[in-house]
Protein backbone atom coordinates (compact mmCIF):
# COMPACT_ATOMS: atom_id res chain seq x y z
CA MET A 1 -0.05 -0.02 -0.03
CA SER A 2 1.57 3.25 -1.10
CA LYS A 3 2.10 6.13 1.33
CA PRO A 4 0.01 9.20 0.87
CA LEU A 5 1.76 12.15 -0.79
CA GLN A 6 2.90 14.79 1.66
CA ALA A 7 2.52 18.45 0.95
CA GLN A 8 5.83 20.12 0.16
CA PRO A 9 6.72 23.16 2.21
CA GLU A 10 6.57 26.46 0.30
CA LEU A 11 9.94 28.08 -0.61
CA GLN A 12 10.55 30.99 1.63
CA PRO A 13 12.07 34.16 0.24
CA GLN A 14 15.82 34.48 0.97
CA ARG A 15 16.90 36.94 3.51
CA TRP A 16 17.95 40.36 2.11
CA THR A 17 16.41 39.81 -1.27
CA LEU A 18 13.93 41.82 -3.35
CA PRO A 19 11.35 40.00 -5.37
CA LEU A 20 10.90 41.48 -8.83
CA SER A 21 9.61 40.40 -12.22
CA ARG A 22 12.10 40.11 -15.10
CA SER A 23 10.53 43.09 -16.86
CA VAL A 24 10.79 45.34 -13.86
CA LEU A 25 14.40 44.27 -13.23
CA THR A 26 15.24 45.04 -16.85
CA MET A 27 13.60 48.43 -16.57
CA LEU A 28 15.73 49.25 -13.48
CA VAL A 29 18.93 48.36 -15.24
CA ALA A 30 17.97 50.37 -18.33
CA LEU A 31 17.26 53.32 -15.99
CA TRP A 32 20.69 52.89 -14.30
CA LEU A 33 22.40 52.84 -17.73
CA MET A 34 20.54 55.89 -18.90
CA LEU A 35 21.10 58.15 -15.81
CA ILE A 36 24.59 56.95 -14.67
CA MET A 37 26.52 55.22 -17.35
CA ASN A 38 25.85 57.73 -20.18
CA LEU A 39 26.86 61.08 -18.78
CA PRO A 40 29.31 61.64 -21.74
CA PHE A 41 26.38 60.99 -24.13
CA TRP A 42 24.20 63.59 -22.40
CA ARG A 43 27.03 66.14 -22.41
CA ALA A 44 27.52 65.61 -26.15
CA VAL A 45 23.82 66.02 -26.81
CA VAL A 46 23.60 69.29 -24.85
CA ASP A 47 26.75 70.58 -26.54
CA GLY A 48 25.39 69.63 -29.94
CA LEU A 49 22.17 71.49 -29.49
CA GLY A 50 23.79 74.83 -28.78
CA HIS A 51 21.34 77.55 -27.99
CA LEU A 52 18.07 76.10 -26.93
CA ASN A 53 14.95 77.14 -28.83
CA GLN A 54 11.51 75.75 -28.14
CA SER A 55 11.94 72.91 -30.58
CA SER A 56 15.22 71.76 -29.23
CA LEU A 57 13.89 72.15 -25.71
CA PHE A 58 11.04 69.70 -26.43
CA PHE A 59 13.57 67.35 -28.10
CA LEU A 60 15.80 67.47 -25.07
CA VAL A 61 12.87 66.68 -22.74
CA SER A 62 11.73 63.79 -24.84
CA LEU A 63 15.19 62.26 -25.44
CA PRO A 64 15.45 60.65 -21.91
CA ALA A 65 12.29 58.73 -22.56
CA PHE A 66 13.53 57.69 -26.03
CA VAL A 67 16.87 56.53 -24.63
CA PHE A 68 15.22 54.65 -21.80
CA ILE A 69 12.90 52.84 -24.14
CA TRP A 70 15.74 52.03 -26.56
CA LEU A 71 17.87 50.58 -23.77
CA TYR A 72 14.97 48.63 -22.37
CA LEU A 73 14.28 47.09 -25.80
CA LEU A 74 17.85 46.21 -26.30
CA LEU A 75 18.19 44.58 -22.90
CA SER A 76 14.98 42.74 -23.40
CA LEU A 77 16.31 41.27 -26.65
CA LEU A 78 19.56 40.08 -24.96
CA ALA A 79 18.15 38.73 -21.71
CA TRP A 80 15.63 35.84 -21.70
CA GLY A 81 14.52 33.36 -19.06
CA ARG A 82 17.19 32.06 -16.65
CA LEU A 83 19.87 34.02 -18.50
CA THR A 84 18.30 37.27 -17.43
CA LYS A 85 20.48 37.98 -14.37
CA PRO A 86 23.78 36.75 -15.94
CA VAL A 87 23.21 38.79 -19.08
CA LEU A 88 22.27 41.94 -17.26
CA SER A 89 25.31 41.52 -14.96
CA LEU A 90 27.57 41.17 -17.92
CA VAL A 91 26.04 44.24 -19.54
CA LEU A 92 26.68 46.21 -16.36
CA ILE A 93 30.36 45.26 -16.14
CA VAL A 94 30.97 45.91 -19.86
CA SER A 95 29.11 49.16 -19.76
CA ALA A 96 31.02 50.35 -16.73
CA ALA A 97 34.29 49.68 -18.52
CA ALA A 98 33.09 51.30 -21.72
CA SER A 99 31.86 54.48 -19.88
CA TYR A 100 35.19 54.85 -18.12
CA PHE A 101 37.20 54.98 -21.34
CA ILE A 102 34.66 57.29 -23.00
CA ASP A 103 34.69 59.66 -20.07
CA SER A 104 38.50 59.53 -19.42
CA TYR A 105 39.82 59.69 -23.00
CA GLY A 106 37.04 61.10 -25.08
CA ILE A 107 36.96 58.12 -27.35
CA VAL A 108 33.97 56.58 -29.14
CA ILE A 109 33.31 52.99 -29.52
CA ASP A 110 32.80 51.10 -32.81
CA TYR A 111 34.03 47.93 -34.32
CA SER A 112 37.48 49.36 -35.30
CA MET A 113 37.97 50.40 -31.65
CA LEU A 114 37.03 46.93 -30.49
CA ALA A 115 39.46 45.47 -33.03
CA ASN A 116 42.21 47.64 -31.60
CA VAL A 117 41.38 46.45 -28.08
CA VAL A 118 41.38 42.77 -29.19
CA GLN A 119 44.77 43.08 -30.88
CA THR A 120 46.52 44.98 -28.21
CA ASP A 121 49.22 43.31 -26.06
CA SER A 122 49.50 42.72 -22.42
CA ALA A 123 51.89 45.57 -21.73
CA GLU A 124 49.48 48.08 -23.40
CA VAL A 125 46.64 46.67 -21.32
CA LEU A 126 48.65 47.07 -18.08
CA ASP A 127 49.23 50.80 -18.96
CA LEU A 128 45.56 51.25 -18.87
CA LEU A 129 44.94 49.71 -15.49
CA THR A 130 44.72 52.49 -12.98
CA TRP A 131 43.13 53.09 -9.50
CA ARG A 132 40.58 55.36 -11.02
CA LEU A 133 39.48 52.51 -13.35
CA ALA A 134 39.33 50.07 -10.40
CA LEU A 135 37.15 52.53 -8.34
CA TRP A 136 35.04 53.29 -11.32
CA MET A 137 34.38 49.63 -12.01
CA LEU A 138 33.65 49.01 -8.40
CA GLY A 139 31.09 51.76 -8.06
CA LEU A 140 29.37 51.62 -11.43
CA GLY A 141 29.84 47.99 -12.24
CA VAL A 142 30.57 45.58 -9.32
CA ILE A 143 28.19 47.09 -6.72
CA PRO A 144 25.19 47.19 -9.10
CA VAL A 145 25.87 43.64 -9.93
CA LEU A 146 25.96 42.69 -6.26
CA LEU A 147 22.68 44.38 -5.72
CA LEU A 148 21.20 42.62 -8.88
CA SER A 149 22.35 39.32 -7.33
CA ARG A 150 19.99 39.85 -4.37
CA VAL A 151 16.97 40.20 -6.62
CA GLN A 152 14.62 37.17 -6.46
CA LEU A 153 12.95 36.80 -9.87
CA LEU A 154 9.17 36.01 -9.67
CA GLN A 155 8.54 32.74 -11.26
CA ARG A 156 5.79 32.63 -13.89
CA GLY A 157 5.05 30.06 -16.55
CA TRP A 158 7.17 30.52 -19.70
CA ARG A 159 4.11 31.38 -21.81
CA ARG A 160 2.97 34.04 -19.50
CA GLU A 161 6.40 35.44 -19.11
CA THR A 162 6.92 35.64 -22.88
CA LEU A 163 3.57 37.23 -23.52
CA ALA A 164 4.22 39.87 -20.83
CA LYS A 165 7.66 40.59 -22.21
CA LEU A 166 6.51 40.83 -25.78
CA GLY A 167 3.63 43.03 -24.76
CA SER A 168 5.79 45.43 -22.90
CA MET A 169 8.25 45.69 -25.73
CA ALA A 170 5.48 46.33 -28.24
CA LEU A 171 3.87 49.02 -26.08
CA LEU A 172 7.16 50.78 -25.49
CA LEU A 173 8.08 50.38 -29.23
CA LEU A 174 4.88 52.25 -30.09
CA CYS A 175 5.78 54.98 -27.64
CA MET A 176 9.18 55.37 -29.26
CA VAL A 177 7.61 55.55 -32.67
CA GLY A 178 5.24 58.30 -31.42
CA ILE A 179 8.15 60.22 -29.86
CA VAL A 180 10.15 60.15 -33.19
CA MET A 181 7.09 61.11 -35.36
CA SER A 182 6.23 64.05 -33.23
CA LEU A 183 9.74 65.43 -33.40
CA TYR A 184 10.92 63.92 -36.65
CA LYS A 185 13.38 66.52 -37.67
CA PRO A 186 15.65 66.65 -34.63
CA TYR A 187 15.56 62.87 -34.19
CA ALA A 188 16.40 62.31 -37.93
CA SER A 189 19.34 64.63 -37.57
CA LEU A 190 20.54 62.80 -34.41
CA LEU A 191 20.25 59.32 -35.98
CA ARG A 192 21.60 60.12 -39.36
CA ASN A 193 23.99 63.04 -39.02
CA HIS A 194 25.55 62.66 -35.54
CA ARG A 195 27.22 59.26 -35.59
CA GLU A 196 29.63 60.40 -32.93
CA VAL A 197 26.79 60.76 -30.52
CA ARG A 198 25.29 57.36 -31.24
CA LEU A 199 28.83 55.86 -30.63
CA LEU A 200 28.73 57.26 -27.08
CA LEU A 201 25.52 55.54 -25.96
CA VAL A 202 26.39 52.62 -23.69
CA PRO A 203 25.76 49.68 -24.13
CA SER A 204 24.23 49.88 -27.68
CA ASN A 205 27.60 51.09 -28.98
CA VAL A 206 29.34 48.01 -27.56
CA VAL A 207 26.65 45.63 -28.89
CA ALA A 208 26.95 47.36 -32.36
CA ALA A 209 30.85 47.01 -32.17
CA VAL A 210 30.77 43.33 -31.23
CA HIS A 211 28.27 42.63 -34.02
CA GLY A 212 30.39 44.55 -36.56
CA TYR A 213 33.59 42.94 -35.38
CA LEU A 214 32.28 39.33 -35.46
CA LYS A 215 30.59 39.92 -38.75
CA ARG A 216 33.95 40.93 -40.36
CA GLU A 217 35.91 38.24 -38.62
CA LEU A 218 33.42 35.43 -39.57
CA SER A 219 32.71 36.58 -43.10
CA GLY A 220 36.37 36.60 -44.24
CA PRO A 221 37.43 34.71 -47.31
CA LYS A 222 38.02 30.99 -46.88
CA GLN A 223 40.96 31.04 -49.45
CA LEU A 224 43.92 33.31 -49.60
CA GLU A 225 43.66 35.78 -52.61
CA VAL A 226 46.87 35.76 -54.60
CA VAL A 227 48.09 39.30 -55.67
CA GLY A 228 50.90 40.09 -58.09
CA LYS A 229 51.38 36.47 -59.23
CA ASP A 230 53.51 37.84 -62.09
CA ALA A 231 55.89 39.73 -59.84
CA HIS A 232 59.67 39.47 -60.59
CA ARG A 233 62.75 41.58 -60.47
CA ILE A 234 63.71 43.52 -63.63
CA GLN A 235 67.46 42.91 -63.11
CA PRO A 236 68.38 40.28 -60.51
CA VAL A 237 71.29 40.96 -58.36
CA SER A 238 74.56 39.65 -59.88
CA SER A 239 78.31 39.66 -59.03
CA THR A 240 78.53 43.04 -60.63
CA THR A 241 75.78 44.71 -58.63
CA ARG A 242 75.30 45.41 -54.95
CA PRO A 243 72.29 44.24 -52.96
CA ARG A 244 69.62 46.95 -52.52
CA VAL A 245 68.28 47.09 -49.01
CA THR A 246 65.18 49.14 -47.98
CA LEU A 247 64.69 49.59 -44.17
CA LEU A 248 61.04 50.28 -43.81
CA VAL A 249 60.20 51.64 -40.30
CA VAL A 250 56.59 51.62 -39.35
CA GLY A 251 56.08 54.04 -36.41
CA GLU A 252 53.50 54.09 -33.75
CA THR A 253 51.30 56.91 -32.69
CA ALA A 254 53.51 59.69 -33.95
CA ARG A 255 51.70 62.80 -35.15
CA ALA A 256 53.07 65.14 -37.74
CA ALA A 257 52.19 68.30 -35.71
CA ASN A 258 54.88 67.52 -33.06
CA PHE A 259 57.72 66.82 -35.55
CA ALA A 260 60.21 69.67 -35.72
CA LEU A 261 60.91 68.67 -39.29
CA ASN A 262 57.27 69.84 -39.94
CA GLY A 263 57.77 73.24 -38.30
CA TYR A 264 56.95 72.29 -34.69
CA ALA A 265 58.45 74.91 -32.24
CA ARG A 266 60.10 72.30 -30.03
CA ASN A 267 63.23 70.58 -31.38
CA THR A 268 61.92 66.95 -31.38
CA ASN A 269 64.23 65.96 -34.21
CA PRO A 270 67.62 67.02 -32.99
CA GLU A 271 69.48 64.08 -34.75
CA LEU A 272 67.41 63.75 -37.99
CA THR A 273 67.93 67.52 -38.73
CA GLN A 274 71.61 66.53 -39.01
CA ARG A 275 70.93 63.70 -41.47
CA ASP A 276 70.20 64.24 -45.09
CA VAL A 277 66.55 63.22 -44.80
CA ILE A 278 63.67 64.02 -47.10
CA ASN A 279 60.63 64.88 -45.18
CA PHE A 280 57.05 64.93 -46.58
CA THR A 281 54.94 67.40 -44.62
CA GLN A 282 51.47 66.47 -45.80
CA ALA A 283 51.06 62.79 -45.23
CA THR A 284 47.94 61.12 -44.00
CA SER A 285 47.22 57.62 -42.60
CA CYS A 286 44.82 54.98 -43.72
CA GLY A 287 43.16 54.62 -40.40
CA THR A 288 43.32 55.84 -36.88
CA ALA A 289 44.30 52.48 -35.22
CA THR A 290 47.16 50.03 -35.77
CA ALA A 291 44.77 47.24 -36.44
CA VAL A 292 43.51 49.06 -39.59
CA SER A 293 46.44 51.33 -40.71
CA VAL A 294 49.17 48.67 -40.72
CA PRO A 295 47.45 46.03 -42.89
CA CYS A 296 45.89 48.90 -45.05
CA MET A 297 49.20 50.52 -45.92
CA PHE A 298 50.60 47.19 -47.22
CA GLN A 299 47.68 46.63 -49.66
CA ASP A 300 47.53 47.99 -53.15
CA VAL A 301 43.86 49.15 -53.02
CA GLY A 302 44.42 52.23 -50.86
CA ARG A 303 42.24 53.49 -48.09
CA GLY A 304 39.16 53.78 -50.34
CA GLY A 305 39.28 50.15 -51.31
CA TYR A 306 40.54 48.54 -48.20
CA LYS A 307 38.36 46.16 -46.23
CA ASP A 308 39.11 44.53 -42.94
CA ASP A 309 39.10 40.90 -44.20
CA MET A 310 41.96 41.79 -46.56
CA ALA A 311 44.41 41.50 -43.62
CA LYS A 312 44.03 37.79 -43.41
CA GLY A 313 42.55 36.97 -46.81
CA ARG A 314 44.53 38.86 -49.34
CA GLU A 315 48.27 38.80 -50.12
CA ASN A 316 50.07 42.16 -49.45
CA LEU A 317 53.26 44.09 -50.40
CA LEU A 318 55.57 41.65 -48.57
CA ASP A 319 54.12 38.63 -50.42
CA VAL A 320 54.66 40.27 -53.72
CA LEU A 321 58.25 41.25 -52.84
CA GLN A 322 59.08 37.84 -51.65
CA ARG A 323 57.58 36.18 -54.81
CA ALA A 324 59.83 38.50 -56.92
CA GLY A 325 62.89 37.16 -55.13
CA VAL A 326 63.35 39.94 -52.53
CA GLN A 327 64.36 38.77 -49.12
CA VAL A 328 61.86 39.96 -46.47
CA LEU A 329 62.06 40.22 -42.68
CA TRP A 330 59.62 41.69 -40.15
CA ARG A 331 61.15 42.71 -36.72
CA ASP A 332 58.50 43.65 -34.12
CA ASN A 333 58.61 45.59 -30.91
CA ASN A 334 54.89 46.32 -30.88
CA SER A 335 51.71 44.18 -30.58
CA GLY A 336 52.34 42.08 -33.73
CA CYS A 337 52.21 42.64 -37.54
CA LYS A 338 48.33 42.40 -37.82
CA ASP A 339 48.60 39.52 -40.21
CA VAL A 340 50.89 41.39 -42.68
CA CYS A 341 53.91 39.24 -41.96
CA ASP A 342 52.04 35.81 -41.75
CA ARG A 343 54.07 34.43 -44.75
CA VAL A 344 57.45 36.03 -44.30
CA ALA A 345 60.29 35.82 -41.86
CA TYR A 346 59.33 37.30 -38.42
CA GLU A 347 61.27 38.26 -35.30
CA ASP A 348 59.60 39.37 -31.99
CA VAL A 349 62.45 41.45 -30.36
CA SER A 350 60.22 42.93 -27.62
CA HIS A 351 61.40 40.43 -25.01
CA LEU A 352 65.01 40.07 -25.93
CA GLN A 353 66.22 41.64 -22.62
CA VAL A 354 69.09 43.47 -24.19
CA ASP A 355 71.06 45.55 -21.68
CA GLY A 356 70.16 49.24 -21.99
CA ASP A 357 67.35 48.65 -24.45
CA CYS A 358 64.90 46.74 -22.20
CA SER A 359 63.41 47.57 -18.90
CA GLY A 360 60.90 45.39 -17.06
CA SER A 361 58.43 43.64 -19.40
CA GLU A 362 59.15 45.64 -22.53
CA CYS A 363 61.95 47.06 -24.62
CA TYR A 364 62.68 50.48 -26.00
CA ASP A 365 62.70 50.77 -29.81
CA GLU A 366 66.47 50.71 -30.17
CA VAL A 367 66.31 46.94 -29.54
CA LEU A 368 64.99 46.75 -33.14
CA LEU A 369 68.55 47.47 -34.32
CA SER A 370 70.04 44.77 -32.00
CA GLY A 371 71.69 42.07 -34.13
CA LEU A 372 70.66 43.85 -37.37
CA GLN A 373 74.20 44.19 -38.45
CA ASP A 374 74.68 40.43 -38.31
CA TYR A 375 71.64 40.09 -40.62
CA LEU A 376 73.06 42.72 -43.05
CA ASP A 377 76.26 40.76 -43.18
CA THR A 378 74.52 37.72 -44.58
CA LEU A 379 72.66 39.52 -47.38
CA ASP A 380 73.63 38.61 -50.93
CA ARG A 381 70.47 39.73 -52.57
CA ASP A 382 67.95 42.54 -52.44
CA ALA A 383 65.96 42.81 -49.16
CA VAL A 384 63.17 44.73 -47.46
CA ILE A 385 63.36 44.84 -43.66
CA VAL A 386 60.42 46.12 -41.69
CA LEU A 387 60.88 47.48 -38.19
CA HIS A 388 57.66 47.94 -36.16
CA MET A 389 58.21 50.38 -33.49
CA LYS A 390 56.53 50.83 -30.06
CA GLY A 391 56.92 54.52 -30.79
CA SER A 392 54.67 56.90 -28.85
CA HIS A 393 51.94 54.53 -27.81
CA GLY A 394 49.89 55.94 -24.96
CA PRO A 395 48.74 56.69 -22.40
CA ALA A 396 51.91 55.72 -20.76
CA TYR A 397 54.14 57.93 -22.99
CA TYR A 398 56.76 58.22 -20.22
CA LYS A 399 57.42 54.48 -20.66
CA ARG A 400 58.37 54.81 -24.36
CA TYR A 401 61.93 56.35 -23.81
CA PRO A 402 64.97 55.98 -21.58
CA ALA A 403 65.64 58.58 -18.85
CA ALA A 404 68.42 60.19 -21.00
CA PHE A 405 65.74 61.36 -23.45
CA GLU A 406 63.62 63.25 -20.90
CA VAL A 407 64.27 66.59 -22.51
CA PHE A 408 61.02 68.31 -21.74
CA THR A 409 59.80 68.49 -18.13
CA PRO A 410 57.87 68.05 -16.02
CA THR A 411 56.45 64.93 -17.43
CA CYS A 412 53.25 63.00 -16.78
CA ALA A 413 54.43 59.76 -15.21
CA ASP A 414 50.94 58.32 -14.92
CA SER A 415 48.67 56.31 -17.23
CA GLN A 416 45.65 58.24 -15.82
CA LEU A 417 45.95 61.24 -17.88
CA ASP A 418 43.21 63.24 -16.11
CA ARG A 419 45.59 63.43 -13.09
CA CYS A 420 48.24 65.29 -15.12
CA SER A 421 48.38 68.74 -16.61
CA ARG A 422 48.20 69.00 -20.38
CA ASN A 423 51.66 70.53 -20.49
CA SER A 424 53.17 67.46 -18.63
CA ILE A 425 51.33 65.11 -21.03
CA LEU A 426 52.71 67.02 -23.92
CA ASN A 427 56.19 66.91 -22.48
CA ALA A 428 56.14 63.14 -22.01
CA TYR A 429 54.78 62.61 -25.60
CA ASP A 430 57.38 64.96 -27.12
CA ASN A 431 60.14 63.15 -25.32
CA SER A 432 58.97 59.89 -26.93
CA LEU A 433 59.41 61.61 -30.33
CA VAL A 434 62.91 62.78 -29.46
CA TYR A 435 63.65 59.07 -28.70
CA THR A 436 62.08 57.96 -31.98
CA ASP A 437 64.22 60.62 -33.71
CA HIS A 438 67.25 58.96 -32.08
CA VAL A 439 66.29 55.49 -33.19
CA LEU A 440 65.74 56.59 -36.83
CA ALA A 441 69.11 58.40 -36.87
CA ALA A 442 70.79 55.35 -35.48
CA ALA A 443 69.14 53.27 -38.24
CA ILE A 444 70.54 55.67 -40.89
CA ASP A 445 73.98 55.55 -39.33
CA LEU A 446 73.83 51.62 -39.40
CA LEU A 447 72.98 51.74 -43.10
CA GLN A 448 75.66 54.33 -43.81
CA ARG A 449 78.28 52.10 -42.28
CA ASN A 450 77.34 49.48 -44.74
CA ALA A 451 77.44 51.82 -47.74
CA GLY A 452 80.49 50.10 -49.18
CA ARG A 453 78.62 46.84 -49.75
CA LEU A 454 74.88 47.72 -49.78
CA ASP A 455 72.82 50.31 -51.57
CA SER A 456 70.32 51.19 -48.97
CA ALA A 457 67.27 53.35 -48.15
CA MET A 458 65.21 54.05 -45.05
CA LEU A 459 61.52 54.98 -45.29
CA TYR A 460 59.66 55.96 -42.13
CA LEU A 461 55.94 56.60 -41.69
CA SER A 462 53.81 56.39 -38.56
CA ASP A 463 50.76 54.18 -38.57
CA HIS A 464 48.50 56.95 -37.24
CA GLY A 465 48.48 60.03 -35.10
CA GLU A 466 47.34 60.88 -31.63
CA SER A 467 45.03 63.28 -29.73
CA LEU A 468 46.53 64.92 -26.70
CA GLY A 469 43.46 66.57 -25.19
CA GLU A 470 42.34 68.73 -28.05
CA SER A 471 38.55 69.23 -27.61
CA GLY A 472 38.80 66.83 -24.70
CA VAL A 473 39.94 63.85 -26.78
CA TYR A 474 42.90 61.77 -26.02
CA LEU A 475 44.60 58.72 -27.67
CA HIS A 476 43.38 57.51 -31.08
CA GLY A 477 40.96 55.20 -32.71
CA MET A 478 38.21 57.64 -33.61
CA PRO A 479 36.17 56.64 -36.75
CA TYR A 480 38.07 58.10 -39.67
CA ALA A 481 35.21 60.41 -40.82
CA LEU A 482 35.00 61.88 -37.31
CA ALA A 483 38.67 61.81 -36.50
CA PRO A 484 40.56 65.13 -35.78
CA SER A 485 43.66 65.87 -37.97
CA GLU A 486 45.88 65.01 -35.08
CA GLN A 487 44.96 61.39 -35.53
CA ILE A 488 45.44 61.16 -39.30
CA HIS A 489 48.19 63.62 -40.17
CA ILE A 490 51.35 61.57 -39.77
CA PRO A 491 55.08 62.06 -40.23
CA MET A 492 56.73 60.51 -43.36
CA LEU A 493 60.39 60.78 -44.18
CA MET A 494 63.11 58.93 -46.08
CA TRP A 495 66.81 58.66 -46.52
CA PHE A 496 68.94 57.29 -49.44
CA SER A 497 72.52 56.29 -49.49
CA SER A 498 74.58 57.75 -52.36
CA GLY A 499 75.07 54.30 -53.81
CA LEU A 500 71.34 53.75 -53.98
CA GLN A 501 70.80 57.13 -55.62
CA ARG A 502 73.24 56.20 -58.25
CA SER A 503 71.97 52.66 -58.89
CA ALA A 504 68.29 53.55 -58.85
CA GLY A 505 68.87 56.78 -60.83
CA LEU A 506 67.10 58.70 -58.01
CA ASP A 507 67.38 62.47 -58.05
CA ALA A 508 67.28 63.47 -54.38
CA GLN A 509 66.86 67.17 -55.15
CA CYS A 510 63.87 66.32 -57.27
CA MET A 511 62.37 64.57 -54.24
CA ARG A 512 62.91 67.49 -52.02
CA GLN A 513 60.87 69.69 -54.38
CA ARG A 514 57.93 67.40 -53.90
CA THR A 515 57.75 67.27 -50.11
CA GLU A 516 54.84 69.73 -49.82
CA GLU A 517 52.62 67.43 -51.95
CA LEU A 518 49.64 65.57 -50.47
CA VAL A 519 50.74 62.00 -49.87
CA SER A 520 49.47 59.12 -47.82
CA GLN A 521 50.02 55.58 -46.74
CA ASP A 522 48.42 54.61 -50.07
CA ASN A 523 51.68 55.45 -51.77
CA LEU A 524 53.77 53.02 -49.79
CA TYR A 525 52.93 49.87 -51.67
CA HIS A 526 53.82 51.22 -55.11
CA SER A 527 56.78 53.32 -54.04
CA VAL A 528 58.42 50.21 -52.50
CA LEU A 529 57.73 48.13 -55.56
CA GLY A 530 59.26 50.88 -57.81
CA LEU A 531 62.31 51.40 -55.52
CA MET A 532 63.01 47.68 -55.50
CA ASP A 533 62.50 47.42 -59.31
CA VAL A 534 59.80 44.76 -58.94
CA GLN A 535 57.70 44.33 -62.10
CA THR A 536 54.08 43.31 -61.73
CA ARG A 537 50.58 44.33 -63.13
CA VAL A 538 49.36 45.48 -59.68
CA TYR A 539 51.97 48.29 -59.78
CA ARG A 540 50.43 51.80 -60.13
CA PRO A 541 53.01 54.44 -61.35
CA GLU A 542 50.88 57.36 -60.39
CA LYS A 543 51.12 56.18 -56.75
CA ASP A 544 54.92 55.78 -56.74
CA LEU A 545 56.58 58.75 -55.01
CA PHE A 546 59.82 58.07 -56.69
CA LYS A 547 58.62 57.63 -60.33
CA ASN A 548 59.14 61.18 -61.48
CA CYS A 549 62.50 61.62 -59.90
CA ARG A 550 64.25 58.64 -61.33
CA ALA A 551 66.49 58.95 -64.49
CA GLY A 552 64.79 57.48 -67.53
CA ASN A 553 61.63 57.10 -65.51
CA THR A 554 59.27 56.91 -68.45
CA LYS A 555 60.83 53.76 -69.97
CA ALA A 556 61.65 52.12 -66.62
CA MET A 557 58.35 52.70 -64.99
CA THR A 558 56.43 51.57 -68.16
CA ALA A 559 58.46 48.39 -67.92
CA LEU A 560 57.22 47.75 -64.45
CA ARG A 561 53.68 47.53 -65.60
CA ALA A 562 54.39 45.40 -68.67
CA PRO A 563 52.28 42.20 -68.87
């Protein structure tokens, strides 16, 4: 005989908990995000409105309701069922981090900024970890998550829960449409014309950035696209010719405005002014972040034709050079080559621990020259050597140079830039340029010492520039269309040995007469092909900076494009 079923005791609410429905909890999180996490967004909106008239006042009053509904709908789409609390907790933590960097450095968040974050190295991450960040994350992220953990969600059947959620979303969506239709003109202007404001709204900017990044990463080509399959040298090196060596130095975060060679009042180029360099004053970058600019400058399509999936899915300048028989080496003191060097010789010198060149977990850029003489001694054919610098990467500019190069003082010795005066930030940044100047001069001297055996050139250009507080913006990575000139106007200079000028028929004086022309990273690909006398159909003579300054350029450059 079976025992009678016994009634189960009802579950008692846990101590120090608050019973809420999932919809109400989502609304509270949306309200927190709107009021606390998005202060930079609200400042940008008010600044953008300028003088308030009646129309803009109505718009400003309606905007909090619009933003609240937008955030609620977004969170409702992300958080379902048992995942509601974990998803909302993750949103709070990520939003706190995003709001910190937006507030502290004046950045905006899109997929390119996310790509820059994903591809950064541990040393750069450590530079960004500050006590202010920790306190910010504690107050705006961790504590709200702890409070959220004490919420006891009311349990309702899945059907009832789903209908209630969809009903609230539909009702609020209708309210949003009503707000937009009643104030169509200002909302149309905000949504279409002020992308920088939209990129400040947390966490929708982060969600859009993740979507854009994953879309580009997952939609890349499955097979490597071959470029310049016909590439070959016009005249291979023989016993009667000397190897031609191009040292291509890719800088980091150097802006043209602070180069003395470009007219900057401070002498940030004390050594290069003593070298016979040719300096282009009007050069621009392909992007505002390393993850974009570096792979872009090594493609033949230019900024207008560049797509993110080309970095992994399409051959670049180094592949074409190598196919033509040019020896290629990439030496890196940064966060990697961003897939540019995937198929050529690669050396990571950032952890060599060379005395005097390395301190702690990273090395100064002079380490890029360590052992380079031994490599030059082995060359018996043409070569291109890429040196990828740490340069002036911020916010810890004071870490980018040895103490001997602290020319301008006082300096900001803190990654938390808001704790420093703008003058001290500028001093530290300019000191990093003085050190870059020294490394480039040392590279020229190294090539000059080998002039008896090698015909050599050095080309230098930065990957992008840097904002140093202008209009409240710091660092880099702004969307190109919105970026200030400080982030896209870059230094570009070059040096040629007398032997290379003779063997290449290059007129240095002619080059100096062109230094005020508008140039960009788009010129790099075709200029290097021309300088190394590599023949291929992908070569574009109009992009070659040297074409018009080489003896017999018409015949020689026509030959480069011959089928």
